[in-house]
N, C-alpha and C. Protein backbone atom coordinates (compact mmCIF):
# COMPACT_ATOMS: atom_id res chain seq x y z
N MET A 1 101.61 -90.45 -1.60
CA MET A 1 101.91 -90.80 -2.99
C MET A 1 101.40 -92.20 -3.32
N THR A 2 101.62 -93.15 -2.43
CA THR A 2 101.21 -94.54 -2.67
C THR A 2 99.71 -94.65 -2.85
N VAL A 3 98.96 -93.94 -2.02
CA VAL A 3 97.50 -93.98 -2.12
C VAL A 3 97.05 -93.42 -3.47
N ARG A 4 97.65 -92.32 -3.89
CA ARG A 4 97.30 -91.72 -5.19
C ARG A 4 97.60 -92.70 -6.33
N VAL A 5 98.74 -93.34 -6.29
CA VAL A 5 99.09 -94.31 -7.34
C VAL A 5 98.06 -95.42 -7.38
N ILE A 6 97.68 -95.95 -6.22
CA ILE A 6 96.69 -97.04 -6.17
C ILE A 6 95.35 -96.57 -6.72
N ILE A 7 94.93 -95.39 -6.34
CA ILE A 7 93.65 -94.85 -6.84
C ILE A 7 93.68 -94.75 -8.37
N PHE A 8 94.77 -94.20 -8.91
CA PHE A 8 94.84 -94.06 -10.36
C PHE A 8 95.03 -95.41 -11.07
N LEU A 9 95.70 -96.35 -10.44
CA LEU A 9 95.78 -97.70 -11.02
C LEU A 9 94.39 -98.31 -11.14
N VAL A 10 93.60 -98.19 -10.07
CA VAL A 10 92.23 -98.73 -10.08
C VAL A 10 91.40 -98.03 -11.16
N LEU A 11 91.46 -96.71 -11.21
CA LEU A 11 90.68 -95.96 -12.20
C LEU A 11 91.11 -96.31 -13.63
N ASN A 12 92.42 -96.34 -13.87
CA ASN A 12 92.92 -96.58 -15.23
C ASN A 12 92.66 -98.00 -15.70
N PHE A 13 92.88 -98.97 -14.83
CA PHE A 13 92.62 -100.35 -15.25
C PHE A 13 91.12 -100.63 -15.31
N SER A 14 90.32 -99.89 -14.56
CA SER A 14 88.86 -100.00 -14.69
C SER A 14 88.42 -99.54 -16.07
N ALA A 15 89.04 -98.47 -16.56
CA ALA A 15 88.72 -97.99 -17.91
C ALA A 15 89.03 -99.06 -18.95
N LEU A 16 90.18 -99.70 -18.82
CA LEU A 16 90.53 -100.76 -19.77
C LEU A 16 89.57 -101.93 -19.67
N ALA A 17 89.23 -102.32 -18.44
CA ALA A 17 88.32 -103.45 -18.25
C ALA A 17 86.93 -103.14 -18.80
N LEU A 18 86.44 -101.95 -18.52
CA LEU A 18 85.11 -101.56 -18.99
C LEU A 18 85.08 -101.49 -20.51
N GLY A 19 86.10 -100.88 -21.10
CA GLY A 19 86.18 -100.84 -22.56
C GLY A 19 86.24 -102.24 -23.14
N GLY A 20 86.97 -103.12 -22.49
CA GLY A 20 87.10 -104.49 -22.96
C GLY A 20 85.79 -105.27 -22.89
N LEU A 21 84.97 -104.98 -21.88
CA LEU A 21 83.68 -105.67 -21.75
C LEU A 21 82.79 -105.43 -22.97
N PHE A 22 82.91 -104.26 -23.56
CA PHE A 22 82.05 -103.90 -24.68
C PHE A 22 82.75 -104.02 -26.03
N THR A 23 83.82 -104.78 -26.05
CA THR A 23 84.59 -104.92 -27.28
C THR A 23 84.04 -106.03 -28.17
N GLY A 24 83.28 -106.93 -27.60
CA GLY A 24 82.84 -108.08 -28.39
C GLY A 24 84.03 -109.01 -28.55
N LYS A 25 84.17 -109.62 -29.71
CA LYS A 25 85.28 -110.54 -29.94
C LYS A 25 86.57 -109.81 -30.24
N GLY A 26 86.49 -108.51 -30.52
CA GLY A 26 87.68 -107.68 -30.69
C GLY A 26 88.60 -108.13 -31.80
N VAL A 27 89.88 -108.19 -31.48
CA VAL A 27 90.92 -108.48 -32.48
C VAL A 27 90.69 -109.81 -33.21
N PRO A 28 90.30 -110.90 -32.52
CA PRO A 28 90.11 -112.15 -33.27
C PRO A 28 88.78 -112.23 -34.02
N SER A 29 87.96 -111.18 -34.00
CA SER A 29 86.66 -111.25 -34.68
C SER A 29 86.85 -111.34 -36.19
N ASP A 30 85.89 -111.98 -36.84
CA ASP A 30 85.93 -112.09 -38.31
C ASP A 30 85.98 -110.71 -38.95
N TRP A 31 85.18 -109.79 -38.41
CA TRP A 31 85.14 -108.44 -38.98
C TRP A 31 86.52 -107.80 -38.98
N TYR A 32 87.20 -107.82 -37.83
CA TYR A 32 88.50 -107.18 -37.72
C TYR A 32 89.54 -107.91 -38.57
N MET A 33 89.50 -109.23 -38.57
CA MET A 33 90.49 -110.00 -39.32
C MET A 33 90.40 -109.73 -40.82
N GLN A 34 89.21 -109.38 -41.31
CA GLN A 34 89.02 -109.14 -42.74
C GLN A 34 89.35 -107.70 -43.15
N LEU A 35 89.59 -106.83 -42.21
CA LEU A 35 89.92 -105.45 -42.54
C LEU A 35 91.31 -105.37 -43.17
N ASP A 36 91.46 -104.42 -44.07
CA ASP A 36 92.78 -104.11 -44.62
C ASP A 36 93.49 -103.24 -43.58
N LYS A 37 94.51 -103.82 -42.94
CA LYS A 37 95.19 -103.11 -41.85
C LYS A 37 96.55 -102.60 -42.30
N ALA A 38 97.04 -101.62 -41.57
CA ALA A 38 98.34 -101.00 -41.87
C ALA A 38 99.46 -102.03 -41.77
N PRO A 39 100.45 -101.91 -42.65
CA PRO A 39 101.57 -102.84 -42.59
C PRO A 39 102.33 -102.78 -41.26
N TRP A 40 102.22 -101.67 -40.53
CA TRP A 40 102.92 -101.52 -39.26
C TRP A 40 102.07 -101.95 -38.06
N THR A 41 100.94 -102.63 -38.32
CA THR A 41 100.09 -103.12 -37.23
C THR A 41 100.86 -104.17 -36.43
N PRO A 42 101.01 -103.95 -35.12
CA PRO A 42 101.75 -104.93 -34.32
C PRO A 42 100.92 -106.19 -34.09
N PRO A 43 101.56 -107.29 -33.71
CA PRO A 43 100.81 -108.50 -33.37
C PRO A 43 99.89 -108.25 -32.18
N GLY A 44 98.85 -109.02 -32.07
CA GLY A 44 97.83 -108.82 -31.04
C GLY A 44 98.35 -108.75 -29.62
N TRP A 45 99.34 -109.57 -29.26
CA TRP A 45 99.85 -109.60 -27.89
C TRP A 45 100.47 -108.27 -27.48
N VAL A 46 100.94 -107.49 -28.46
CA VAL A 46 101.58 -106.20 -28.15
C VAL A 46 100.59 -105.24 -27.50
N PHE A 47 99.32 -105.32 -27.92
CA PHE A 47 98.32 -104.38 -27.41
C PHE A 47 98.14 -104.52 -25.90
N GLY A 48 98.01 -105.74 -25.40
CA GLY A 48 97.85 -105.96 -23.96
C GLY A 48 99.07 -105.51 -23.17
N THR A 49 100.25 -105.85 -23.69
CA THR A 49 101.49 -105.44 -23.03
C THR A 49 101.62 -103.92 -23.02
N ALA A 50 101.32 -103.31 -24.15
CA ALA A 50 101.43 -101.85 -24.25
C ALA A 50 100.47 -101.17 -23.29
N TRP A 51 99.20 -101.59 -23.28
CA TRP A 51 98.22 -100.93 -22.43
C TRP A 51 98.52 -101.13 -20.95
N THR A 52 99.05 -102.29 -20.58
CA THR A 52 99.42 -102.51 -19.18
C THR A 52 100.53 -101.53 -18.77
N THR A 53 101.55 -101.44 -19.59
CA THR A 53 102.66 -100.52 -19.33
C THR A 53 102.17 -99.08 -19.29
N ILE A 54 101.35 -98.71 -20.26
CA ILE A 54 100.83 -97.35 -20.35
C ILE A 54 100.05 -96.97 -19.09
N MET A 55 99.17 -97.85 -18.65
CA MET A 55 98.32 -97.51 -17.50
C MET A 55 99.11 -97.45 -16.20
N ILE A 56 100.15 -98.26 -16.08
CA ILE A 56 101.01 -98.16 -14.89
C ILE A 56 101.75 -96.82 -14.90
N CYS A 57 102.36 -96.50 -16.03
CA CYS A 57 103.08 -95.22 -16.14
C CYS A 57 102.14 -94.03 -15.95
N PHE A 58 100.96 -94.10 -16.56
CA PHE A 58 100.00 -93.00 -16.46
C PHE A 58 99.51 -92.83 -15.02
N SER A 59 99.38 -93.92 -14.29
CA SER A 59 98.96 -93.84 -12.89
C SER A 59 100.00 -93.09 -12.06
N PHE A 60 101.27 -93.40 -12.26
CA PHE A 60 102.33 -92.68 -11.56
C PHE A 60 102.35 -91.21 -12.00
N TYR A 61 102.17 -90.99 -13.30
CA TYR A 61 102.14 -89.62 -13.83
C TYR A 61 101.06 -88.81 -13.12
N MET A 62 99.84 -89.35 -13.07
CA MET A 62 98.73 -88.63 -12.44
C MET A 62 98.98 -88.43 -10.95
N ALA A 63 99.60 -89.39 -10.30
CA ALA A 63 99.91 -89.25 -8.88
C ALA A 63 100.91 -88.12 -8.65
N TYR A 64 101.80 -87.92 -9.60
CA TYR A 64 102.76 -86.80 -9.51
C TYR A 64 102.10 -85.47 -9.88
N VAL A 65 101.20 -85.48 -10.83
CA VAL A 65 100.54 -84.24 -11.26
C VAL A 65 99.63 -83.70 -10.16
N TRP A 66 98.89 -84.59 -9.51
CA TRP A 66 97.85 -84.19 -8.55
C TRP A 66 98.29 -83.11 -7.57
N PRO A 67 99.40 -83.29 -6.85
CA PRO A 67 99.75 -82.25 -5.85
C PRO A 67 100.28 -80.95 -6.46
N THR A 68 100.61 -80.95 -7.74
CA THR A 68 101.16 -79.73 -8.36
C THR A 68 100.08 -78.81 -8.92
N VAL A 69 98.84 -79.30 -8.99
CA VAL A 69 97.77 -78.55 -9.64
C VAL A 69 96.88 -77.88 -8.60
N GLU A 70 96.69 -76.58 -8.79
CA GLU A 70 95.80 -75.85 -7.88
C GLU A 70 94.33 -76.05 -8.25
N ASN A 71 94.03 -76.06 -9.54
CA ASN A 71 92.64 -76.18 -9.99
C ASN A 71 92.30 -77.67 -10.17
N LYS A 72 92.04 -78.33 -9.04
CA LYS A 72 91.74 -79.77 -9.06
C LYS A 72 90.48 -80.11 -9.86
N PRO A 73 89.40 -79.29 -9.77
CA PRO A 73 88.22 -79.62 -10.58
C PRO A 73 88.52 -79.66 -12.08
N PHE A 74 89.37 -78.76 -12.55
CA PHE A 74 89.73 -78.78 -13.97
C PHE A 74 90.53 -80.04 -14.30
N LEU A 75 91.49 -80.37 -13.45
CA LEU A 75 92.28 -81.59 -13.66
C LEU A 75 91.39 -82.82 -13.68
N ILE A 76 90.46 -82.89 -12.76
CA ILE A 76 89.52 -84.02 -12.72
C ILE A 76 88.69 -84.06 -14.00
N GLY A 77 88.26 -82.89 -14.46
CA GLY A 77 87.46 -82.84 -15.69
C GLY A 77 88.23 -83.34 -16.91
N VAL A 78 89.47 -82.90 -17.04
CA VAL A 78 90.29 -83.35 -18.18
C VAL A 78 90.57 -84.84 -18.05
N TYR A 79 90.85 -85.29 -16.84
CA TYR A 79 91.08 -86.72 -16.62
C TYR A 79 89.83 -87.53 -16.98
N LEU A 80 88.65 -87.04 -16.57
CA LEU A 80 87.40 -87.76 -16.89
C LEU A 80 87.15 -87.81 -18.40
N VAL A 81 87.44 -86.73 -19.10
CA VAL A 81 87.30 -86.75 -20.57
C VAL A 81 88.20 -87.83 -21.15
N GLN A 82 89.45 -87.86 -20.68
CA GLN A 82 90.39 -88.90 -21.13
C GLN A 82 89.84 -90.27 -20.82
N TRP A 83 89.32 -90.48 -19.61
CA TRP A 83 88.82 -91.77 -19.16
C TRP A 83 87.65 -92.23 -20.03
N ILE A 84 86.71 -91.33 -20.26
CA ILE A 84 85.52 -91.65 -21.06
C ILE A 84 85.92 -91.99 -22.51
N LEU A 85 86.81 -91.20 -23.08
CA LEU A 85 87.25 -91.47 -24.45
C LEU A 85 87.98 -92.81 -24.53
N ASN A 86 88.79 -93.10 -23.52
CA ASN A 86 89.51 -94.37 -23.49
C ASN A 86 88.52 -95.54 -23.45
N VAL A 87 87.51 -95.43 -22.61
CA VAL A 87 86.49 -96.49 -22.50
C VAL A 87 85.69 -96.59 -23.80
N ALA A 88 85.37 -95.46 -24.40
CA ALA A 88 84.46 -95.42 -25.55
C ALA A 88 85.06 -95.98 -26.84
N TRP A 89 86.36 -95.95 -26.98
CA TRP A 89 86.94 -96.35 -28.27
C TRP A 89 86.67 -97.82 -28.59
N ASN A 90 86.91 -98.73 -27.66
CA ASN A 90 86.74 -100.16 -27.94
C ASN A 90 85.35 -100.52 -28.44
N PRO A 91 84.29 -100.16 -27.71
CA PRO A 91 82.97 -100.53 -28.22
C PRO A 91 82.62 -99.82 -29.53
N THR A 92 83.06 -98.58 -29.67
CA THR A 92 82.76 -97.84 -30.91
C THR A 92 83.39 -98.55 -32.09
N PHE A 93 84.65 -98.89 -31.95
CA PHE A 93 85.38 -99.51 -33.06
C PHE A 93 85.02 -100.97 -33.25
N PHE A 94 85.12 -101.77 -32.20
CA PHE A 94 84.92 -103.21 -32.34
C PHE A 94 83.47 -103.65 -32.28
N TYR A 95 82.70 -103.20 -31.30
CA TYR A 95 81.33 -103.66 -31.13
C TYR A 95 80.40 -103.05 -32.19
N PHE A 96 80.47 -101.73 -32.34
CA PHE A 96 79.61 -101.07 -33.32
C PHE A 96 80.23 -101.02 -34.71
N GLN A 97 81.51 -101.42 -34.80
CA GLN A 97 82.25 -101.44 -36.06
C GLN A 97 82.18 -100.09 -36.77
N ASN A 98 82.28 -99.05 -35.98
CA ASN A 98 82.22 -97.68 -36.48
C ASN A 98 83.65 -97.15 -36.57
N ILE A 99 84.25 -97.32 -37.72
CA ILE A 99 85.66 -96.96 -37.91
C ILE A 99 85.86 -95.45 -37.80
N LEU A 100 84.99 -94.68 -38.43
CA LEU A 100 85.11 -93.22 -38.36
C LEU A 100 84.89 -92.72 -36.93
N GLY A 101 83.89 -93.25 -36.25
CA GLY A 101 83.66 -92.87 -34.86
C GLY A 101 84.88 -93.18 -34.00
N GLY A 102 85.46 -94.36 -34.21
CA GLY A 102 86.67 -94.73 -33.48
C GLY A 102 87.81 -93.77 -33.77
N LEU A 103 87.94 -93.39 -35.04
CA LEU A 103 89.01 -92.46 -35.42
C LEU A 103 88.82 -91.10 -34.75
N LEU A 104 87.59 -90.63 -34.71
CA LEU A 104 87.32 -89.35 -34.05
C LEU A 104 87.63 -89.43 -32.55
N ILE A 105 87.20 -90.51 -31.92
CA ILE A 105 87.43 -90.68 -30.48
C ILE A 105 88.92 -90.75 -30.18
N ILE A 106 89.64 -91.57 -30.93
CA ILE A 106 91.07 -91.73 -30.64
C ILE A 106 91.86 -90.47 -30.98
N SER A 107 91.39 -89.72 -31.95
CA SER A 107 92.06 -88.45 -32.28
C SER A 107 91.91 -87.45 -31.14
N VAL A 108 90.70 -87.34 -30.60
CA VAL A 108 90.47 -86.42 -29.48
C VAL A 108 91.22 -86.91 -28.24
N LEU A 109 91.22 -88.23 -28.02
CA LEU A 109 91.96 -88.79 -26.89
C LEU A 109 93.45 -88.45 -27.00
N THR A 110 93.99 -88.54 -28.19
CA THR A 110 95.40 -88.20 -28.41
C THR A 110 95.65 -86.73 -28.07
N LEU A 111 94.74 -85.87 -28.47
CA LEU A 111 94.88 -84.44 -28.15
C LEU A 111 94.81 -84.20 -26.63
N VAL A 112 93.92 -84.89 -25.96
CA VAL A 112 93.78 -84.72 -24.51
C VAL A 112 95.05 -85.20 -23.80
N VAL A 113 95.57 -86.35 -24.20
CA VAL A 113 96.80 -86.85 -23.57
C VAL A 113 97.97 -85.93 -23.92
N GLY A 114 98.00 -85.42 -25.14
CA GLY A 114 99.02 -84.43 -25.51
C GLY A 114 98.91 -83.18 -24.66
N TYR A 115 97.68 -82.78 -24.35
CA TYR A 115 97.47 -81.63 -23.46
C TYR A 115 98.11 -81.90 -22.10
N PHE A 116 97.83 -83.08 -21.53
CA PHE A 116 98.46 -83.43 -20.25
C PHE A 116 99.98 -83.31 -20.35
N LEU A 117 100.54 -83.89 -21.39
CA LEU A 117 101.99 -83.90 -21.56
C LEU A 117 102.58 -82.50 -21.57
N PHE A 118 102.03 -81.65 -22.42
CA PHE A 118 102.61 -80.32 -22.60
C PHE A 118 102.19 -79.33 -21.51
N ARG A 119 100.99 -79.46 -20.98
CA ARG A 119 100.51 -78.53 -19.96
C ARG A 119 101.26 -78.69 -18.65
N TYR A 120 101.53 -79.93 -18.26
CA TYR A 120 102.12 -80.16 -16.95
C TYR A 120 103.62 -80.46 -16.99
N ALA A 121 104.22 -80.41 -18.16
CA ALA A 121 105.68 -80.63 -18.26
C ALA A 121 106.49 -79.63 -17.45
N PRO A 122 106.11 -78.34 -17.43
CA PRO A 122 106.90 -77.40 -16.62
C PRO A 122 106.94 -77.76 -15.12
N GLN A 123 105.82 -78.29 -14.61
CA GLN A 123 105.79 -78.67 -13.20
C GLN A 123 106.51 -80.00 -12.94
N LEU A 124 106.29 -80.95 -13.84
CA LEU A 124 106.81 -82.30 -13.60
C LEU A 124 108.22 -82.52 -14.12
N LYS A 125 108.63 -81.71 -15.06
CA LYS A 125 109.95 -81.83 -15.68
C LYS A 125 110.19 -83.26 -16.16
N PHE A 126 111.24 -83.92 -15.68
CA PHE A 126 111.62 -85.24 -16.18
C PHE A 126 110.53 -86.30 -15.93
N LYS A 127 109.72 -86.11 -14.91
CA LYS A 127 108.66 -87.08 -14.61
C LYS A 127 107.61 -87.12 -15.72
N SER A 128 107.61 -86.11 -16.59
CA SER A 128 106.68 -86.11 -17.74
C SER A 128 106.93 -87.28 -18.67
N ILE A 129 108.09 -87.89 -18.57
CA ILE A 129 108.40 -89.05 -19.40
C ILE A 129 107.40 -90.18 -19.15
N LEU A 130 106.77 -90.16 -17.98
CA LEU A 130 105.81 -91.21 -17.64
C LEU A 130 104.57 -91.21 -18.54
N ILE A 131 104.24 -90.08 -19.15
CA ILE A 131 103.06 -90.04 -20.02
C ILE A 131 103.44 -90.28 -21.49
N LEU A 132 104.73 -90.28 -21.78
CA LEU A 132 105.16 -90.50 -23.17
C LEU A 132 104.70 -91.82 -23.77
N PRO A 133 104.74 -92.95 -23.03
CA PRO A 133 104.24 -94.19 -23.64
C PRO A 133 102.78 -94.07 -24.10
N TYR A 134 101.96 -93.41 -23.30
CA TYR A 134 100.55 -93.22 -23.64
C TYR A 134 100.43 -92.37 -24.90
N PHE A 135 101.13 -91.26 -24.94
CA PHE A 135 101.04 -90.35 -26.08
C PHE A 135 101.56 -91.00 -27.36
N VAL A 136 102.71 -91.63 -27.28
CA VAL A 136 103.30 -92.28 -28.47
C VAL A 136 102.40 -93.42 -28.95
N TRP A 137 101.88 -94.22 -28.01
CA TRP A 137 101.00 -95.32 -28.40
C TRP A 137 99.74 -94.79 -29.09
N LEU A 138 99.20 -93.70 -28.58
CA LEU A 138 98.00 -93.13 -29.20
C LEU A 138 98.30 -92.59 -30.60
N LEU A 139 99.48 -92.04 -30.79
CA LEU A 139 99.85 -91.61 -32.15
C LEU A 139 99.88 -92.80 -33.09
N ILE A 140 100.45 -93.90 -32.64
CA ILE A 140 100.50 -95.12 -33.46
C ILE A 140 99.09 -95.66 -33.67
N ALA A 141 98.32 -95.76 -32.59
CA ALA A 141 96.96 -96.30 -32.69
C ALA A 141 96.07 -95.44 -33.58
N THR A 142 96.24 -94.13 -33.52
CA THR A 142 95.48 -93.23 -34.39
C THR A 142 95.84 -93.48 -35.85
N SER A 143 97.12 -93.69 -36.11
CA SER A 143 97.53 -93.98 -37.49
C SER A 143 96.96 -95.31 -37.97
N LEU A 144 96.90 -96.30 -37.08
CA LEU A 144 96.32 -97.60 -37.45
C LEU A 144 94.83 -97.46 -37.75
N ASN A 145 94.12 -96.74 -36.91
CA ASN A 145 92.69 -96.50 -37.10
C ASN A 145 92.46 -95.70 -38.37
N GLY A 146 93.29 -94.69 -38.60
CA GLY A 146 93.18 -93.87 -39.81
C GLY A 146 93.42 -94.69 -41.07
N TYR A 147 94.39 -95.57 -41.04
CA TYR A 147 94.68 -96.43 -42.19
C TYR A 147 93.47 -97.32 -42.49
N ILE A 148 92.90 -97.91 -41.44
CA ILE A 148 91.72 -98.76 -41.62
C ILE A 148 90.57 -97.95 -42.20
N PHE A 149 90.39 -96.73 -41.71
CA PHE A 149 89.32 -95.87 -42.24
C PHE A 149 89.53 -95.58 -43.72
N LEU A 150 90.74 -95.29 -44.11
CA LEU A 150 91.02 -94.93 -45.51
C LEU A 150 91.00 -96.13 -46.46
N LYS A 151 91.33 -97.31 -45.96
CA LYS A 151 91.49 -98.49 -46.83
C LYS A 151 90.29 -99.44 -46.84
N ASN A 152 89.29 -99.19 -46.00
CA ASN A 152 88.15 -100.12 -45.93
C ASN A 152 86.84 -99.41 -46.22
């Protein structure tokens, strides 16, 4: 179990780091600061705290899912789709300033994480709570991205 958690911690935080490399100036950029943002947009520090918590919980979640799944190639494929979408959102939204592209990516990412939640809940039962921070945060983030798309 410990080895699986470490592997998923490395993979998940690598996704955040890689996405961050291609973010440009991100939240403090002039472009982002001038956008009309949703009134429920949290302060900038919340994003780092949220993503750290999410990736820790998701790493434990994946470590618990792994031994329960017979079709490992399928699980790896869904995980890779999630990983790629997670990495792709930051540069799409911040670097390329493509609000619609970001909205499409985060919407599909939300569906993929929702798939994990509902597909593996029967096997994991209460341990499924570990993916809830990711799913709830993506619902919020999708609404923030959608608001920016509609208002700018």
